[in-house]
Amino acid sequence: MYNYKKLANIIFITCLVLSVSIYISRKAEVNKYLIKDIDNENIKSYKVNINTASDKEFTNLPGIGPNLAQVILNYRNKNGSFENIQDIKNVKGIGKSKYLKIEKYLTIKN
């Protein structure tokens, strides 16, 4: 006779392992184009227009993950275009230290 508790535990552990594997692979996919991967010649001129950037472009910035990228997009959709790059500090989740890490990559010019 089967031990259903043991079977349920095996199924649970299998699902957990699969979920973690999927999470890790998606996380790697999102972060495969990070700024650190841009060659030294191009990184000096790399800019993200905060008024037109997509969520994927925002995730290229150091310390900006998919969730914060979506928060930035929601803020921009609700409040309109940023007048200057410092206005991004009004977005919840972007404090002084995070802003200092990303400011050299930000622009509002086309």
PDB file of N, CA and C in Angstrom:
ATOM      1  N   MET A   1       0.846  -1.175   0.000  1.00  0.00           N
ATOM      2  CA  MET A   1       0.000   0.000   0.000  1.00  0.00           C
ATOM      3  C   MET A   1       0.894   1.241   0.000  1.00  0.00           C
ATOM      4  N   TYR A   2       0.476   2.225  -0.760  1.00  0.00           N
ATOM      5  CA  TYR A   2       1.254   3.457  -0.880  1.00  0.00           C
ATOM      6  C   TYR A   2       1.201   4.298   0.381  1.00  0.00           C
ATOM      7  N   ASN A   3       2.308   4.956   0.654  1.00  0.00           N
ATOM      8  CA  ASN A   3       2.369   5.929   1.721  1.00  0.00           C
ATOM      9  C   ASN A   3       2.100   7.293   1.074  1.00  0.00           C
ATOM     10  N   TYR A   4       0.845   7.762   1.174  1.00  0.00           N
ATOM     11  CA  TYR A   4       0.437   8.975   0.471  1.00  0.00           C
ATOM     12  C   TYR A   4       1.141  10.226   0.980  1.00  0.00           C
ATOM     13  N   LYS A   5       1.512  10.253   2.244  1.00  0.00           N
ATOM     14  CA  LYS A   5       2.250  11.393   2.785  1.00  0.00           C
ATOM     15  C   LYS A   5       3.618  11.500   2.108  1.00  0.00           C
ATOM     16  N   LYS A   6       4.269  10.358   1.959  1.00  0.00           N
ATOM     17  CA  LYS A   6       5.584  10.331   1.327  1.00  0.00           C
ATOM     18  C   LYS A   6       5.470  10.748  -0.142  1.00  0.00           C
ATOM     19  N   LEU A   7       4.460  10.261  -0.827  1.00  0.00           N
ATOM     20  CA  LEU A   7       4.228  10.615  -2.218  1.00  0.00           C
ATOM     21  C   LEU A   7       3.935  12.115  -2.358  1.00  0.00           C
ATOM     22  N   ALA A   8       3.128  12.642  -1.464  1.00  0.00           N
ATOM     23  CA  ALA A   8       2.810  14.069  -1.490  1.00  0.00           C
ATOM     24  C   ALA A   8       4.067  14.906  -1.265  1.00  0.00           C
ATOM     25  N   ASN A   9       4.929  14.473  -0.347  1.00  0.00           N
ATOM     26  CA  ASN A   9       6.187  15.185  -0.101  1.00  0.00           C
ATOM     27  C   ASN A   9       7.089  15.162  -1.330  1.00  0.00           C
ATOM     28  N   ILE A  10       7.164  14.038  -2.004  1.00  0.00           N
ATOM     29  CA  ILE A  10       7.985  13.928  -3.210  1.00  0.00           C
ATOM     30  C   ILE A  10       7.464  14.873  -4.295  1.00  0.00           C
ATOM     31  N   ILE A  11       6.160  14.898  -4.475  1.00  0.00           N
ATOM     32  CA  ILE A  11       5.559  15.796  -5.473  1.00  0.00           C
ATOM     33  C   ILE A  11       5.820  17.248  -5.099  1.00  0.00           C
ATOM     34  N   PHE A  12       5.667  17.586  -3.835  1.00  0.00           N
ATOM     35  CA  PHE A  12       5.904  18.949  -3.372  1.00  0.00           C
ATOM     36  C   PHE A  12       7.352  19.372  -3.628  1.00  0.00           C
ATOM     37  N   ILE A  13       8.300  18.532  -3.283  1.00  0.00           N
ATOM     38  CA  ILE A  13       9.722  18.846  -3.454  1.00  0.00           C
ATOM     39  C   ILE A  13      10.052  18.987  -4.940  1.00  0.00           C
ATOM     40  N   THR A  14       9.482  18.117  -5.766  1.00  0.00           N
ATOM     41  CA  THR A  14       9.705  18.204  -7.209  1.00  0.00           C
ATOM     42  C   THR A  14       9.189  19.532  -7.754  1.00  0.00           C
ATOM     43  N   CYS A  15       8.005  19.938  -7.352  1.00  0.00           N
ATOM     44  CA  CYS A  15       7.436  21.220  -7.790  1.00  0.00           C
ATOM     45  C   CYS A  15       8.287  22.387  -7.303  1.00  0.00           C
ATOM     46  N   LEU A  16       8.767  22.307  -6.099  1.00  0.00           N
ATOM     47  CA  LEU A  16       9.607  23.360  -5.542  1.00  0.00           C
ATOM     48  C   LEU A  16      10.903  23.501  -6.330  1.00  0.00           C
ATOM     49  N   VAL A  17      11.538  22.385  -6.633  1.00  0.00           N
ATOM     50  CA  VAL A  17      12.784  22.411  -7.405  1.00  0.00           C
ATOM     51  C   VAL A  17      12.533  22.989  -8.795  1.00  0.00           C
ATOM     52  N   LEU A  18      11.458  22.589  -9.441  1.00  0.00           N
ATOM     53  CA  LEU A  18      11.125  23.123 -10.760  1.00  0.00           C
ATOM     54  C   LEU A  18      10.860  24.624 -10.701  1.00  0.00           C
ATOM     55  N   SER A  19      10.138  25.064  -9.690  1.00  0.00           N
ATOM     56  CA  SER A  19       9.838  26.492  -9.542  1.00  0.00           C
ATOM     57  C   SER A  19      11.103  27.309  -9.358  1.00  0.00           C
ATOM     58  N   VAL A  20      12.000  26.835  -8.523  1.00  0.00           N
ATOM     59  CA  VAL A  20      13.262  27.540  -8.294  1.00  0.00           C
ATOM     60  C   VAL A  20      14.079  27.574  -9.578  1.00  0.00           C
ATOM     61  N   SER A  21      14.116  26.489 -10.316  1.00  0.00           N
ATOM     62  CA  SER A  21      14.857  26.440 -11.579  1.00  0.00           C
ATOM     63  C   SER A  21      14.305  27.439 -12.584  1.00  0.00           C
ATOM     64  N   ILE A  22      12.999  27.510 -12.694  1.00  0.00           N
ATOM     65  CA  ILE A  22      12.369  28.471 -13.608  1.00  0.00           C
ATOM     66  C   ILE A  22      12.667  29.892 -13.168  1.00  0.00           C
ATOM     67  N   TYR A  23      12.579  30.175 -11.880  1.00  0.00           N
ATOM     68  CA  TYR A  23      12.868  31.512 -11.364  1.00  0.00           C
ATOM     69  C   TYR A  23      14.294  31.921 -11.705  1.00  0.00           C
ATOM     70  N   ILE A  24      15.245  31.030 -11.473  1.00  0.00           N
ATOM     71  CA  ILE A  24      16.652  31.344 -11.725  1.00  0.00           C
ATOM     72  C   ILE A  24      16.889  31.579 -13.214  1.00  0.00           C
ATOM     73  N   SER A  25      16.292  30.764 -14.057  1.00  0.00           N
ATOM     74  CA  SER A  25      16.510  30.938 -15.496  1.00  0.00           C
ATOM     75  C   SER A  25      15.896  32.237 -15.996  1.00  0.00           C
ATOM     76  N   ARG A  26      14.742  32.622 -15.487  1.00  0.00           N
ATOM     77  CA  ARG A  26      14.128  33.895 -15.892  1.00  0.00           C
ATOM     78  C   ARG A  26      14.922  35.080 -15.372  1.00  0.00           C
ATOM     79  N   LYS A  27      15.416  34.985 -14.154  1.00  0.00           N
ATOM     80  CA  LYS A  27      16.235  36.050 -13.577  1.00  0.00           C
ATOM     81  C   LYS A  27      17.485  36.248 -14.427  1.00  0.00           C
ATOM     82  N   ALA A  28      18.094  35.158 -14.848  1.00  0.00           N
ATOM     83  CA  ALA A  28      19.291  35.248 -15.691  1.00  0.00           C
ATOM     84  C   ALA A  28      18.948  35.860 -17.040  1.00  0.00           C
ATOM     85  N   GLU A  29      17.773  35.525 -17.590  1.00  0.00           N
ATOM     86  CA  GLU A  29      17.366  36.061 -18.875  1.00  0.00           C
ATOM     87  C   GLU A  29      17.153  37.567 -18.800  1.00  0.00           C
ATOM     88  N   VAL A  30      16.513  38.029 -17.735  1.00  0.00           N
ATOM     89  CA  VAL A  30      16.256  39.458 -17.571  1.00  0.00           C
ATOM     90  C   VAL A  30      17.558  40.233 -17.444  1.00  0.00           C
ATOM     91  N   ASN A  31      18.537  39.653 -16.748  1.00  0.00           N
ATOM     92  CA  ASN A  31      19.770  40.371 -16.461  1.00  0.00           C
ATOM     93  C   ASN A  31      20.901  40.079 -17.441  1.00  0.00           C
ATOM     94  N   LYS A  32      20.625  39.469 -18.587  1.00  0.00           N
ATOM     95  CA  LYS A  32      21.725  39.098 -19.461  1.00  0.00           C
ATOM     96  C   LYS A  32      22.341  40.294 -20.180  1.00  0.00           C
ATOM     97  N   TYR A  33      21.669  41.422 -20.213  1.00  0.00           N
ATOM     98  CA  TYR A  33      22.214  42.607 -20.865  1.00  0.00           C
ATOM     99  C   TYR A  33      22.475  43.706 -19.853  1.00  0.00           C
ATOM    100  N   LEU A  34      23.220  43.414 -18.830  1.00  0.00           N
ATOM    101  CA  LEU A  34      23.522  44.402 -17.811  1.00  0.00           C
ATOM    102  C   LEU A  34      24.610  45.349 -18.281  1.00  0.00           C
ATOM    103  N   ILE A  35      24.652  46.510 -17.682  1.00  0.00           N
ATOM    104  CA  ILE A  35      25.652  47.509 -18.027  1.00  0.00           C
ATOM    105  C   ILE A  35      27.059  46.936 -17.906  1.00  0.00           C
ATOM    106  N   LYS A  36      27.298  46.111 -16.928  1.00  0.00           N
ATOM    107  CA  LYS A  36      28.641  45.549 -16.746  1.00  0.00           C
ATOM    108  C   LYS A  36      29.082  44.732 -17.949  1.00  0.00           C
ATOM    109  N   ASP A  37      28.144  44.295 -18.778  1.00  0.00           N
ATOM    110  CA  ASP A  37      28.479  43.512 -19.959  1.00  0.00           C
ATOM    111  C   ASP A  37      28.751  44.380 -21.189  1.00  0.00           C
ATOM    112  N   ILE A  38      28.492  45.672 -21.098  1.00  0.00           N
ATOM    113  CA  ILE A  38      28.755  46.576 -22.216  1.00  0.00           C
ATOM    114  C   ILE A  38      30.242  46.898 -22.216  1.00  0.00           C
ATOM    115  N   ASP A  39      30.864  46.864 -23.392  1.00  0.00           N
ATOM    116  CA  ASP A  39      32.305  47.091 -23.439  1.00  0.00           C
ATOM    117  C   ASP A  39      32.649  48.518 -23.011  1.00  0.00           C
ATOM    118  N   ASN A  40      33.878  48.716 -22.579  1.00  0.00           N
ATOM    119  CA  ASN A  40      34.324  49.989 -22.007  1.00  0.00           C
ATOM    120  C   ASN A  40      34.137  51.170 -22.944  1.00  0.00           C
ATOM    121  N   GLU A  41      34.289  50.950 -24.236  1.00  0.00           N
ATOM    122  CA  GLU A  41      34.144  52.044 -25.190  1.00  0.00           C
ATOM    123  C   GLU A  41      32.706  52.553 -25.246  1.00  0.00           C
ATOM    124  N   ASN A  42      31.745  51.637 -25.209  1.00  0.00           N
ATOM    125  CA  ASN A  42      30.340  52.011 -25.329  1.00  0.00           C
ATOM    126  C   ASN A  42      29.700  52.416 -24.004  1.00  0.00           C
ATOM    127  N   ILE A  43      30.257  51.979 -22.891  1.00  0.00           N
ATOM    128  CA  ILE A  43      29.632  52.294 -21.605  1.00  0.00           C
ATOM    129  C   ILE A  43      29.691  53.786 -21.300  1.00  0.00           C
ATOM    130  N   LYS A  44      30.713  54.470 -21.805  1.00  0.00           N
ATOM    131  CA  LYS A  44      30.840  55.907 -21.559  1.00  0.00           C
ATOM    132  C   LYS A  44      29.699  56.688 -22.185  1.00  0.00           C
ATOM    133  N   SER A  45      29.176  56.186 -23.291  1.00  0.00           N
ATOM    134  CA  SER A  45      28.103  56.895 -23.979  1.00  0.00           C
ATOM    135  C   SER A  45      26.733  56.254 -23.764  1.00  0.00           C
ATOM    136  N   TYR A  46      26.656  55.196 -22.960  1.00  0.00           N
ATOM    137  CA  TYR A  46      25.385  54.504 -22.745  1.00  0.00           C
ATOM    138  C   TYR A  46      24.435  55.399 -21.964  1.00  0.00           C
ATOM    139  N   LYS A  47      23.267  55.648 -22.525  1.00  0.00           N
ATOM    140  CA  LYS A  47      22.263  56.489 -21.880  1.00  0.00           C
ATOM    141  C   LYS A  47      20.889  55.847 -22.013  1.00  0.00           C
ATOM    142  N   VAL A  48      20.083  56.031 -20.986  1.00  0.00           N
ATOM    143  CA  VAL A  48      18.696  55.577 -20.982  1.00  0.00           C
ATOM    144  C   VAL A  48      17.824  56.818 -20.873  1.00  0.00           C
ATOM    145  N   ASN A  49      16.983  57.035 -21.873  1.00  0.00           N
ATOM    146  CA  ASN A  49      16.056  58.159 -21.838  1.00  0.00           C
ATOM    147  C   ASN A  49      14.898  57.773 -20.920  1.00  0.00           C
ATOM    148  N   ILE A  50      14.829  58.411 -19.764  1.00  0.00           N
ATOM    149  CA  ILE A  50      13.829  58.017 -18.765  1.00  0.00           C
ATOM    150  C   ILE A  50      12.405  58.367 -19.173  1.00  0.00           C
ATOM    151  N   ASN A  51      12.257  59.173 -20.233  1.00  0.00           N
ATOM    152  CA  ASN A  51      10.912  59.500 -20.710  1.00  0.00           C
ATOM    153  C   ASN A  51      10.407  58.535 -21.772  1.00  0.00           C
ATOM    154  N   THR A  52      11.299  57.723 -22.328  1.00  0.00           N
ATOM    155  CA  THR A  52      10.881  56.791 -23.383  1.00  0.00           C
ATOM    156  C   THR A  52      11.312  55.352 -23.121  1.00  0.00           C
ATOM    157  N   ALA A  53      12.101  55.117 -22.092  1.00  0.00           N
ATOM    158  CA  ALA A  53      12.675  53.790 -21.844  1.00  0.00           C
ATOM    159  C   ALA A  53      11.606  52.749 -21.527  1.00  0.00           C
ATOM    160  N   SER A  54      11.879  51.535 -21.972  1.00  0.00           N
ATOM    161  CA  SER A  54      11.022  50.394 -21.647  1.00  0.00           C
ATOM    162  C   SER A  54      11.487  49.791 -20.322  1.00  0.00           C
ATOM    163  N   ASP A  55      10.713  48.849 -19.824  1.00  0.00           N
ATOM    164  CA  ASP A  55      11.119  48.179 -18.587  1.00  0.00           C
ATOM    165  C   ASP A  55      12.451  47.456 -18.760  1.00  0.00           C
ATOM    166  N   LYS A  56      12.690  46.862 -19.921  1.00  0.00           N
ATOM    167  CA  LYS A  56      13.958  46.164 -20.157  1.00  0.00           C
ATOM    168  C   LYS A  56      15.131  47.137 -20.165  1.00  0.00           C
ATOM    169  N   GLU A  57      14.934  48.332 -20.706  1.00  0.00           N
ATOM    170  CA  GLU A  57      16.010  49.323 -20.687  1.00  0.00           C
ATOM    171  C   GLU A  57      16.310  49.759 -19.257  1.00  0.00           C
ATOM    172  N   PHE A  58      15.282  49.927 -18.452  1.00  0.00           N
ATOM    173  CA  PHE A  58      15.506  50.305 -17.051  1.00  0.00           C
ATOM    174  C   PHE A  58      16.247  49.196 -16.290  1.00  0.00           C
ATOM    175  N   THR A  59      15.954  47.947 -16.602  1.00  0.00           N
ATOM    176  CA  THR A  59      16.634  46.866 -15.890  1.00  0.00           C
ATOM    177  C   THR A  59      18.104  46.749 -16.267  1.00  0.00           C
ATOM    178  N   ASN A  60      18.542  47.440 -17.304  1.00  0.00           N
ATOM    179  CA  ASN A  60      19.969  47.495 -17.635  1.00  0.00           C
ATOM    180  C   ASN A  60      20.739  48.348 -16.635  1.00  0.00           C
ATOM    181  N   LEU A  61      20.041  49.180 -15.908  1.00  0.00           N
ATOM    182  CA  LEU A  61      20.697  50.082 -14.961  1.00  0.00           C
ATOM    183  C   LEU A  61      21.048  49.341 -13.674  1.00  0.00           C
ATOM    184  N   PRO A  62      22.180  49.690 -13.056  1.00  0.00           N
ATOM    185  CA  PRO A  62      22.569  49.011 -11.820  1.00  0.00           C
ATOM    186  C   PRO A  62      21.547  49.225 -10.707  1.00  0.00           C
ATOM    187  N   GLY A  63      21.122  48.141 -10.096  1.00  0.00           N
ATOM    188  CA  GLY A  63      20.199  48.218  -8.975  1.00  0.00           C
ATOM    189  C   GLY A  63      18.735  48.339  -9.357  1.00  0.00           C
ATOM    190  N   ILE A  64      18.428  48.306 -10.660  1.00  0.00           N
ATOM    191  CA  ILE A  64      17.038  48.390 -11.103  1.00  0.00           C
ATOM    192  C   ILE A  64      16.623  47.017 -11.616  1.00  0.00           C
ATOM    193  N   GLY A  65      15.720  46.393 -10.890  1.00  0.00           N
ATOM    194  CA  GLY A  65      15.188  45.096 -11.303  1.00  0.00           C
ATOM    195  C   GLY A  65      13.841  45.273 -11.986  1.00  0.00           C
ATOM    196  N   PRO A  66      13.226  44.167 -12.372  1.00  0.00           N
ATOM    197  CA  PRO A  66      11.941  44.238 -13.068  1.00  0.00           C
ATOM    198  C   PRO A  66      10.850  44.943 -12.271  1.00  0.00           C
ATOM    199  N   ASN A  67      10.809  44.728 -10.964  1.00  0.00           N
ATOM    200  CA  ASN A  67       9.755  45.361 -10.152  1.00  0.00           C
ATOM    201  C   ASN A  67       9.923  46.871 -10.103  1.00  0.00           C
ATOM    202  N   LEU A  68      11.140  47.339  -9.857  1.00  0.00           N
ATOM    203  CA  LEU A  68      11.373  48.780  -9.793  1.00  0.00           C
ATOM    204  C   LEU A  68      11.199  49.412 -11.170  1.00  0.00           C
ATOM    205  N   ALA A  69      11.579  48.707 -12.217  1.00  0.00           N
ATOM    206  CA  ALA A  69      11.361  49.214 -13.576  1.00  0.00           C
ATOM    207  C   ALA A  69       9.872  49.453 -13.804  1.00  0.00           C
ATOM    208  N   GLN A  70       9.046  48.535 -13.338  1.00  0.00           N
ATOM    209  CA  GLN A  70       7.600  48.703 -13.501  1.00  0.00           C
ATOM    210  C   GLN A  70       7.079  49.866 -12.663  1.00  0.00           C
ATOM    211  N   VAL A  71       7.642  50.062 -11.478  1.00  0.00           N
ATOM    212  CA  VAL A  71       7.255  51.197 -10.636  1.00  0.00           C
ATOM    213  C   VAL A  71       7.588  52.511 -11.360  1.00  0.00           C
ATOM    214  N   ILE A  72       8.744  52.565 -12.011  1.00  0.00           N
ATOM    215  CA  ILE A  72       9.132  53.770 -12.765  1.00  0.00           C
ATOM    216  C   ILE A  72       8.144  54.012 -13.903  1.00  0.00           C
ATOM    217  N   LEU A  73       7.820  52.966 -14.640  1.00  0.00           N
ATOM    218  CA  LEU A  73       6.862  53.107 -15.743  1.00  0.00           C
ATOM    219  C   LEU A  73       5.496  53.564 -15.242  1.00  0.00           C
ATOM    220  N   ASN A  74       5.040  52.992 -14.139  1.00  0.00           N
ATOM    221  CA  ASN A  74       3.747  53.395 -13.568  1.00  0.00           C
ATOM    222  C   ASN A  74       3.772  54.864 -13.156  1.00  0.00           C
ATOM    223  N   TYR A  75       4.881  55.281 -12.529  1.00  0.00           N
ATOM    224  CA  TYR A  75       5.019  56.683 -12.117  1.00  0.00           C
ATOM    225  C   TYR A  75       4.969  57.595 -13.341  1.00  0.00           C
ATOM    226  N   ARG A  76       5.712  57.232 -14.379  1.00  0.00           N
ATOM    227  CA  ARG A  76       5.762  58.048 -15.600  1.00  0.00           C
ATOM    228  C   ARG A  76       4.389  58.111 -16.273  1.00  0.00           C
ATOM    229  N   ASN A  77       3.689  56.980 -16.303  1.00  0.00           N
ATOM    230  CA  ASN A  77       2.350  56.961 -16.911  1.00  0.00           C
ATOM    231  C   ASN A  77       1.371  57.828 -16.129  1.00  0.00           C
ATOM    232  N   LYS A  78       1.505  57.830 -14.817  1.00  0.00           N
ATOM    233  CA  LYS A  78       0.593  58.597 -13.968  1.00  0.00           C
ATOM    234  C   LYS A  78       0.916  60.090 -13.960  1.00  0.00           C
ATOM    235  N   ASN A  79       2.217  60.423 -13.932  1.00  0.00           N
ATOM    236  CA  ASN A  79       2.631  61.815 -13.745  1.00  0.00           C
ATOM    237  C   ASN A  79       3.149  62.507 -15.000  1.00  0.00           C
ATOM    238  N   GLY A  80       3.288  61.777 -16.075  1.00  0.00           N
ATOM    239  CA  GLY A  80       3.803  62.369 -17.311  1.00  0.00           C
ATOM    240  C   GLY A  80       5.322  62.333 -17.348  1.00  0.00           C
ATOM    241  N   SER A  81       5.857  62.975 -18.366  1.00  0.00           N
ATOM    242  CA  SER A  81       7.300  62.965 -18.595  1.00  0.00           C
ATOM    243  C   SER A  81       8.065  63.614 -17.450  1.00  0.00           C
ATOM    244  N   PHE A  82       9.291  63.144 -17.260  1.00  0.00           N
ATOM    245  CA  PHE A  82      10.200  63.749 -16.298  1.00  0.00           C
ATOM    246  C   PHE A  82      10.751  65.033 -16.912  1.00  0.00           C
ATOM    247  N   GLU A  83      10.805  66.105 -16.128  1.00  0.00           N
ATOM    248  CA  GLU A  83      11.341  67.364 -16.636  1.00  0.00           C
ATOM    249  C   GLU A  83      12.861  67.390 -16.598  1.00  0.00           C
ATOM    250  N   ASN A  84      13.451  66.695 -15.628  1.00  0.00           N
ATOM    251  CA  ASN A  84      14.902  66.552 -15.556  1.00  0.00           C
ATOM    252  C   ASN A  84      15.207  65.205 -14.927  1.00  0.00           C
ATOM    253  N   ILE A  85      16.471  64.783 -15.027  1.00  0.00           N
ATOM    254  CA  ILE A  85      16.789  63.434 -14.554  1.00  0.00           C
ATOM    255  C   ILE A  85      16.647  63.298 -13.044  1.00  0.00           C
ATOM    256  N   GLN A  86      16.804  64.393 -12.304  1.00  0.00           N
ATOM    257  CA  GLN A  86      16.660  64.329 -10.853  1.00  0.00           C
ATOM    258  C   GLN A  86      15.231  63.971 -10.427  1.00  0.00           C
ATOM    259  N   ASP A  87      14.265  64.218 -11.300  1.00  0.00           N
ATOM    260  CA  ASP A  87      12.866  63.907 -10.973  1.00  0.00           C
ATOM    261  C   ASP A  87      12.628  62.417 -10.750  1.00  0.00           C
ATOM    262  N   ILE A  88      13.530  61.575 -11.240  1.00  0.00           N
ATOM    263  CA  ILE A  88      13.356  60.132 -11.039  1.00  0.00           C
ATOM    264  C   ILE A  88      13.467  59.771  -9.561  1.00  0.00           C
ATOM    265  N   LYS A  89      14.070  60.674  -8.759  1.00  0.00           N
ATOM    266  CA  LYS A  89      14.155  60.429  -7.317  1.00  0.00           C
ATOM    267  C   LYS A  89      12.785  60.501  -6.652  1.00  0.00           C
ATOM    268  N   ASN A  90      11.791  61.035  -7.349  1.00  0.00           N
ATOM    269  CA  ASN A  90      10.422  61.064  -6.826  1.00  0.00           C
ATOM    270  C   ASN A  90       9.741  59.699  -6.890  1.00  0.00           C
ATOM    271  N   VAL A  91      10.339  58.779  -7.624  1.00  0.00           N
ATOM    272  CA  VAL A  91       9.794  57.427  -7.748  1.00  0.00           C
ATOM    273  C   VAL A  91      10.132  56.654  -6.476  1.00  0.00           C
ATOM    274  N   LYS A  92       9.124  56.047  -5.887  1.00  0.00           N
ATOM    275  CA  LYS A  92       9.350  55.252  -4.678  1.00  0.00           C
ATOM    276  C   LYS A  92      10.301  54.111  -5.003  1.00  0.00           C
ATOM    277  N   GLY A  93      11.368  54.018  -4.231  1.00  0.00           N
ATOM    278  CA  GLY A  93      12.365  52.973  -4.448  1.00  0.00           C
ATOM    279  C   GLY A  93      13.673  53.511  -5.010  1.00  0.00           C
ATOM    280  N   ILE A  94      13.662  54.776  -5.424  1.00  0.00           N
ATOM    281  CA  ILE A  94      14.897  55.384  -5.917  1.00  0.00           C
ATOM    282  C   ILE A  94      15.289  56.490  -4.952  1.00  0.00           C
ATOM    283  N   GLY A  95      16.183  56.123  -4.066  1.00  0.00           N
ATOM    284  CA  GLY A  95      16.702  57.079  -3.099  1.00  0.00           C
ATOM    285  C   GLY A  95      18.008  57.676  -3.581  1.00  0.00           C
ATOM    286  N   LYS A  96      18.656  58.387  -2.686  1.00  0.00           N
ATOM    287  CA  LYS A  96      19.884  59.093  -3.035  1.00  0.00           C
ATOM    288  C   LYS A  96      20.971  58.140  -3.521  1.00  0.00           C
ATOM    289  N   SER A  97      21.205  57.049  -2.799  1.00  0.00           N
ATOM    290  CA  SER A  97      22.297  56.144  -3.183  1.00  0.00           C
ATOM    291  C   SER A  97      22.023  55.452  -4.518  1.00  0.00           C
ATOM    292  N   LYS A  98      20.793  55.023  -4.741  1.00  0.00           N
ATOM    293  CA  LYS A  98      20.469  54.375  -6.012  1.00  0.00           C
ATOM    294  C   LYS A  98      20.579  55.389  -7.148  1.00  0.00           C
ATOM    295  N   TYR A  99      20.121  56.608  -6.897  1.00  0.00           N
ATOM    296  CA  TYR A  99      20.218  57.650  -7.918  1.00  0.00           C
ATOM    297  C   TYR A  99      21.679  57.914  -8.286  1.00  0.00           C
ATOM    298  N   LEU A 100      22.553  57.962  -7.300  1.00  0.00           N
ATOM    299  CA  LEU A 100      23.968  58.205  -7.573  1.00  0.00           C
ATOM    300  C   LEU A 100      24.580  57.102  -8.432  1.00  0.00           C
ATOM    301  N   LYS A 101      24.088  55.879  -8.298  1.00  0.00           N
ATOM    302  CA  LYS A 101      24.599  54.766  -9.101  1.00  0.00           C
ATOM    303  C   LYS A 101      24.154  54.853 -10.557  1.00  0.00           C
ATOM    304  N   ILE A 102      22.981  55.441 -10.803  1.00  0.00           N
ATOM    305  CA  ILE A 102      22.421  55.415 -12.152  1.00  0.00           C
ATOM    306  C   ILE A 102      22.457  56.757 -12.876  1.00  0.00           C
ATOM    307  N   GLU A 103      22.728  57.844 -12.182  1.00  0.00           N
ATOM    308  CA  GLU A 103      22.575  59.164 -12.802  1.00  0.00           C
ATOM    309  C   GLU A 103      23.410  59.356 -14.057  1.00  0.00           C
ATOM    310  N   LYS A 104      24.597  58.774 -14.116  1.00  0.00           N
ATOM    311  CA  LYS A 104      25.446  58.978 -15.297  1.00  0.00           C
ATOM    312  C   LYS A 104      24.901  58.275 -16.541  1.00  0.00           C
ATOM    313  N   TYR A 105      23.929  57.387 -16.348  1.00  0.00           N
ATOM    314  CA  TYR A 105      23.329  56.680 -17.486  1.00  0.00           C
ATOM    315  C   TYR A 105      21.993  57.281 -17.910  1.00  0.00           C
ATOM    316  N   LEU A 106      21.523  58.297 -17.208  1.00  0.00           N
ATOM    317  CA  LEU A 106      20.191  58.843 -17.455  1.00  0.00           C
ATOM    318  C   LEU A 106      20.237  60.064 -18.357  1.00  0.00           C
ATOM    319  N   THR A 107      19.196  60.195 -19.161  1.00  0.00           N
ATOM    320  CA  THR A 107      19.025  61.383 -19.997  1.00  0.00           C
ATOM    321  C   THR A 107      17.537  61.603 -20.200  1.00  0.00           C
ATOM    322  N   ILE A 108      17.198  62.814 -20.598  1.00  0.00           N
ATOM    323  CA  ILE A 108      15.828  63.097 -21.036  1.00  0.00           C
ATOM    324  C   ILE A 108      15.846  63.618 -22.472  1.00  0.00           C
ATOM    325  N   LYS A 109      17.038  63.670 -23.048  1.00  0.00           N
ATOM    326  CA  LYS A 109      17.195  64.132 -24.421  1.00  0.00           C
ATOM    327  C   LYS A 109      17.026  62.979 -25.385  1.00  0.00           C
ATOM    328  N   ASN A 110      16.523  63.299 -26.572  1.00  0.00           N
ATOM    329  CA  ASN A 110      16.345  62.271 -27.614  1.00  0.00           C
ATOM    330  C   ASN A 110      17.617  61.976 -28.325  1.00  0.00           C
TER     331      ASN A 110
END
